[in-house]
Each structure stands twice: as C-alpha cells, then as structure tokens.
C-alpha cells in the first residue's frame, strides 16, 4: 500500500467517525448536503470505499465538517519520507 493510500485510509476513517457522530441527529441525505456530495457517496464513505475520493477532496470534506487541517513538512529520519496523520476529535 502506498503512503497516499494509507493517508486516504486514515482520512476516510476520520470522516467515517464524524459521520457516525452526526448520524445521531442527521440522516445521510442531510449530511450529504453539508459536504456537497450525494447520499450514495456518504454511504461509500461509511463503508470506506474511497476509490472515488482523492486526498484533496477528503481534506475538503473534513473542512466542511468544521475541522482545520495542518500540514507539516520536515526532513525524514529515514531514507524515504513517510506520511503521518494525527487527528484530534476535540
């Protein structure tokens, strides 16, 4: 699995958690309106079917839910760099 695929998986997991929280008060159609996707796309996010979602789109969805994203680039301690993603649900 590539570093980008791993990042998409982590972002998808974070979005799934947000949707599950919001599902307590909103249905999938209402959530779809908030993040500018169709209801079937919300279902895909919940099932972690991320092939139709790029990293930029996942970032945008996270922003639309009211979360900030901070990107930090620094020299790697390894020969090849890695992508890490830390999420606060705070």
Protein backbone atom coordinates (compact mmCIF):
# COMPACT_ATOMS: atom_id res chain seq x y z
CA UNK A 1 0.00 0.00 0.00
CA UNK A 2 1.40 3.41 -0.96
CA UNK A 3 1.77 6.29 1.50
CA UNK A 4 -1.05 8.15 -0.29
CA UNK A 5 -3.36 5.14 0.04
CA UNK A 6 -2.52 4.94 3.75
CA UNK A 7 -3.29 8.65 4.12
CA UNK A 8 -6.62 8.26 2.31
CA UNK A 9 -7.49 5.38 4.64
CA UNK A 10 -6.73 7.46 7.72
CA UNK A 11 -8.68 10.44 6.39
CA UNK A 12 -11.57 8.15 5.46
CA UNK A 13 -11.60 6.68 8.96
CA UNK A 14 -11.71 10.18 10.47
CA UNK A 15 -14.58 11.21 8.15
CA UNK A 16 -16.43 7.99 8.99
CA UNK A 17 -16.19 8.81 12.70
CA UNK A 18 -17.54 12.33 12.09
CA UNK A 19 -20.43 10.98 10.00
CA UNK A 20 -21.25 8.38 12.65
CA UNK A 21 -21.38 11.14 15.28
CA UNK A 22 -23.55 13.35 13.06
CA UNK A 23 -25.82 10.40 12.20
CA UNK A 24 -27.19 10.61 15.73
CA UNK A 25 -29.00 13.82 14.71
CA UNK A 26 -28.84 13.90 10.88
CA UNK A 27 -29.64 11.37 8.17
CA UNK A 28 -27.28 10.61 5.27
CA UNK A 29 -29.13 12.95 2.89
CA UNK A 30 -28.69 15.87 5.31
CA UNK A 31 -25.02 15.01 5.79
CA UNK A 32 -24.59 14.85 2.00
CA UNK A 33 -25.86 18.43 1.71
CA UNK A 34 -23.34 19.66 4.29
CA UNK A 35 -20.38 18.15 2.42
CA UNK A 36 -21.67 18.69 -1.14
CA UNK A 37 -21.89 15.04 -2.19
CA UNK A 38 -24.74 12.68 -3.00
CA UNK A 39 -26.24 10.36 -0.39
CA UNK A 40 -24.66 7.29 -2.07
CA UNK A 41 -21.23 8.97 -1.64
CA UNK A 42 -21.93 9.33 2.09
CA UNK A 43 -22.68 5.61 2.12
CA UNK A 44 -19.38 4.94 0.32
CA UNK A 45 -17.52 6.98 2.94
CA UNK A 46 -19.15 4.97 5.72
CA UNK A 47 -18.10 1.73 4.01
CA UNK A 48 -14.55 3.10 3.49
CA UNK A 49 -14.97 2.79 -0.30
CA UNK A 50 -12.59 5.64 -1.10
CA UNK A 51 -11.63 4.93 -4.71
CA UNK A 52 -13.72 7.91 -5.95
CA UNK A 53 -12.16 10.30 -3.42
CA UNK A 54 -8.78 11.98 -3.77
CA UNK A 55 -6.83 13.37 -0.82
CA UNK A 56 -7.80 16.94 -1.74
CA UNK A 57 -11.49 16.04 -1.75
CA UNK A 58 -11.18 14.25 1.59
CA UNK A 59 -9.45 17.34 3.03
CA UNK A 60 -12.30 19.48 1.71
CA UNK A 61 -14.92 17.22 3.34
CA UNK A 62 -13.09 17.45 6.67
CA UNK A 63 -13.05 21.27 6.35
CA UNK A 64 -16.78 21.33 5.54
CA UNK A 65 -17.41 19.46 8.80
CA UNK A 66 -15.66 22.32 10.62
CA UNK A 67 -12.22 20.86 11.19
CA UNK A 68 -8.88 22.52 10.45
CA UNK A 69 -6.06 20.69 8.71
CA UNK A 70 -2.41 21.44 9.42
CA UNK A 71 0.34 20.08 7.17
CA UNK A 72 3.92 19.90 8.45
CA UNK A 73 6.86 19.05 6.21
CA UNK A 74 10.24 18.24 7.72
CA UNK A 75 13.34 16.19 6.91
CA UNK A 76 12.81 12.46 7.31
CA UNK A 77 14.79 10.35 9.73
CA UNK A 78 14.55 7.54 7.20
CA UNK A 79 15.92 7.26 3.67
CA UNK A 80 12.42 7.73 2.26
CA UNK A 81 9.85 10.00 3.88
CA UNK A 82 6.53 8.86 5.29
CA UNK A 83 3.14 10.50 5.54
CA UNK A 84 1.66 10.65 9.02
CA UNK A 85 -1.75 11.84 10.03
CA UNK A 86 -2.75 12.75 13.58
CA UNK A 87 -6.35 13.59 14.32
CA UNK A 88 -7.94 15.31 17.27
CA UNK A 89 -11.68 14.96 17.65
CA UNK A 90 -11.58 17.61 20.37
